[in-house]
Amino acid sequence: MVDVLGVKAGGDLDAYLEGLAYILADQRAANWEDDDTPHWIPIPALALAIKRIWADPAHWGEFRQRPSIPGIVERCRDYRHDLVTVRHSLRMLGRTRQRLDLIIRTVDDYEADPV
């Protein structure tokens, strides 16, 4: 991410990247997030955050700076929430399909009963 933004390597760049990785690896769910939210940032959420940061013209000016860690974390948490919401919707869709299959089998059994 910092290479694409043109941030030059320096003495504190390694500390920045290690700190970012450490923080993203241990992100507890916020009060507004579901209980089944993972306690880390999924890679797709980080990838989307980086993509959006790259698209932000503020980071492409004459004075290129590293994105702030809190700014990255906030974006990642929002995108993690979106991923958890999609996962929940897929689970509900699977449960709905199971219920519909049960209803269809019950109706078929009812129609097949000679009584």
Protein backbone atom coordinates (compact mmCIF):
# COMPACT_ATOMS: atom_id res chain seq x y z
CA MET A 1 0.00 0.00 0.00
CA VAL A 2 2.68 2.51 0.95
CA ASP A 3 4.74 1.62 -2.13
CA VAL A 4 1.84 2.49 -4.42
CA LEU A 5 1.26 5.74 -2.54
CA GLY A 6 4.91 6.60 -3.11
CA VAL A 7 5.81 6.73 0.57
CA LYS A 8 9.56 6.41 0.89
CA ALA A 9 11.10 3.74 3.07
CA GLY A 10 12.42 5.06 6.31
CA GLY A 11 13.37 4.06 9.79
CA ASP A 12 9.84 4.20 11.11
CA LEU A 13 8.11 2.59 8.10
CA ASP A 14 8.70 -0.91 9.48
CA ALA A 15 7.26 0.13 12.84
CA TYR A 16 4.24 1.64 11.06
CA LEU A 17 3.57 -1.58 9.12
CA GLU A 18 4.12 -3.81 12.15
CA GLY A 19 1.83 -1.63 14.25
CA LEU A 20 -0.85 -1.68 11.57
CA ALA A 21 -0.62 -5.47 11.23
CA TYR A 22 -0.78 -5.93 15.01
CA ILE A 23 -3.83 -3.69 15.36
CA LEU A 24 -5.68 -5.28 12.43
CA ALA A 25 -5.02 -8.76 13.83
CA ASP A 26 -6.77 -7.90 17.11
CA GLN A 27 -9.89 -5.86 16.42
CA ARG A 28 -12.67 -6.73 18.82
CA ALA A 29 -16.22 -6.20 17.66
CA ALA A 30 -17.70 -2.81 18.43
CA ASN A 31 -20.97 -2.50 20.33
CA TRP A 32 -22.87 -2.00 17.06
CA GLU A 33 -21.44 -5.17 15.48
CA ASP A 34 -22.89 -8.69 15.69
CA ASP A 35 -21.65 -11.22 18.22
CA ASP A 36 -20.31 -13.48 15.46
CA THR A 37 -18.00 -10.77 14.11
CA PRO A 38 -14.43 -12.07 13.92
CA HIS A 39 -11.86 -10.50 16.25
CA TRP A 40 -9.61 -9.60 13.33
CA ILE A 41 -9.90 -7.80 10.03
CA PRO A 42 -10.52 -10.16 7.09
CA ILE A 43 -8.20 -9.75 4.12
CA PRO A 44 -11.04 -8.73 1.74
CA ALA A 45 -11.92 -5.86 4.11
CA LEU A 46 -8.28 -4.71 4.20
CA ALA A 47 -8.01 -5.01 0.42
CA LEU A 48 -11.10 -2.85 -0.10
CA ALA A 49 -9.82 -0.26 2.39
CA ILE A 50 -6.50 -0.07 0.53
CA LYS A 51 -8.30 0.20 -2.82
CA ARG A 52 -10.41 3.09 -1.53
CA ILE A 53 -7.36 4.81 -0.05
CA TRP A 54 -5.58 4.53 -3.40
CA ALA A 55 -8.62 6.08 -5.07
CA ASP A 56 -8.62 9.01 -2.62
CA PRO A 57 -6.99 12.01 -4.37
CA ALA A 58 -5.81 13.40 -1.02
CA HIS A 59 -3.09 10.73 -0.93
CA TRP A 60 -1.79 11.52 -4.42
CA GLY A 61 -0.75 15.11 -3.84
CA GLU A 62 2.74 16.55 -3.86
CA PHE A 63 3.33 15.58 -0.22
CA ARG A 64 2.52 11.89 -0.02
CA GLN A 65 1.87 10.66 3.46
CA ARG A 66 1.08 7.36 5.04
CA PRO A 67 -2.60 6.92 5.77
CA SER A 68 -3.29 7.14 9.47
CA ILE A 69 -3.66 3.82 11.24
CA PRO A 70 -6.97 4.86 12.87
CA GLY A 71 -8.29 5.86 9.44
CA ILE A 72 -7.37 2.48 7.98
CA VAL A 73 -8.83 0.63 10.97
CA GLU A 74 -12.11 2.56 10.75
CA ARG A 75 -12.52 1.72 7.06
CA CYS A 76 -11.60 -1.91 7.69
CA ARG A 77 -14.14 -2.23 10.49
CA ASP A 78 -16.87 -0.82 8.26
CA TYR A 79 -16.00 -3.24 5.46
CA ARG A 80 -15.75 -6.14 7.95
CA HIS A 81 -19.27 -5.26 9.08
CA ASP A 82 -20.44 -5.38 5.46
CA LEU A 83 -18.84 -8.82 5.01
CA VAL A 84 -20.47 -10.14 8.19
CA THR A 85 -23.83 -8.81 6.98
CA VAL A 86 -23.42 -10.64 3.65
CA ARG A 87 -22.43 -13.83 5.50
CA HIS A 88 -25.52 -13.53 7.68
CA SER A 89 -27.73 -13.01 4.62
CA LEU A 90 -26.27 -16.10 2.96
CA ARG A 91 -26.94 -18.16 6.08
CA MET A 92 -30.54 -16.94 6.16
CA LEU A 93 -30.91 -17.76 2.48
CA GLY A 94 -29.67 -21.30 3.15
CA ARG A 95 -32.12 -21.71 6.04
CA THR A 96 -34.97 -20.41 3.90
CA ARG A 97 -34.11 -22.94 1.21
CA GLN A 98 -34.12 -25.75 3.77
CA ARG A 99 -37.55 -24.66 5.02
CA LEU A 100 -38.93 -24.48 1.49
CA ASP A 101 -37.56 -27.96 0.76
CA LEU A 102 -39.32 -29.24 3.88
CA ILE A 103 -42.59 -27.59 2.83
CA ILE A 104 -42.35 -29.07 -0.67
CA ARG A 105 -41.65 -32.56 0.72
CA THR A 106 -44.58 -32.23 3.12
CA VAL A 107 -46.93 -31.13 0.34
CA ASP A 108 -45.68 -33.93 -1.93
CA ASP A 109 -46.20 -36.48 0.87
CA TYR A 110 -49.69 -35.08 1.51
CA GLU A 111 -50.62 -35.28 -2.16
CA ALA A 112 -49.24 -38.82 -2.43
CA ASP A 113 -51.29 -40.02 0.59
CA PRO A 114 -54.29 -42.02 -0.76
CA VAL A 115 -56.57 -41.05 2.14
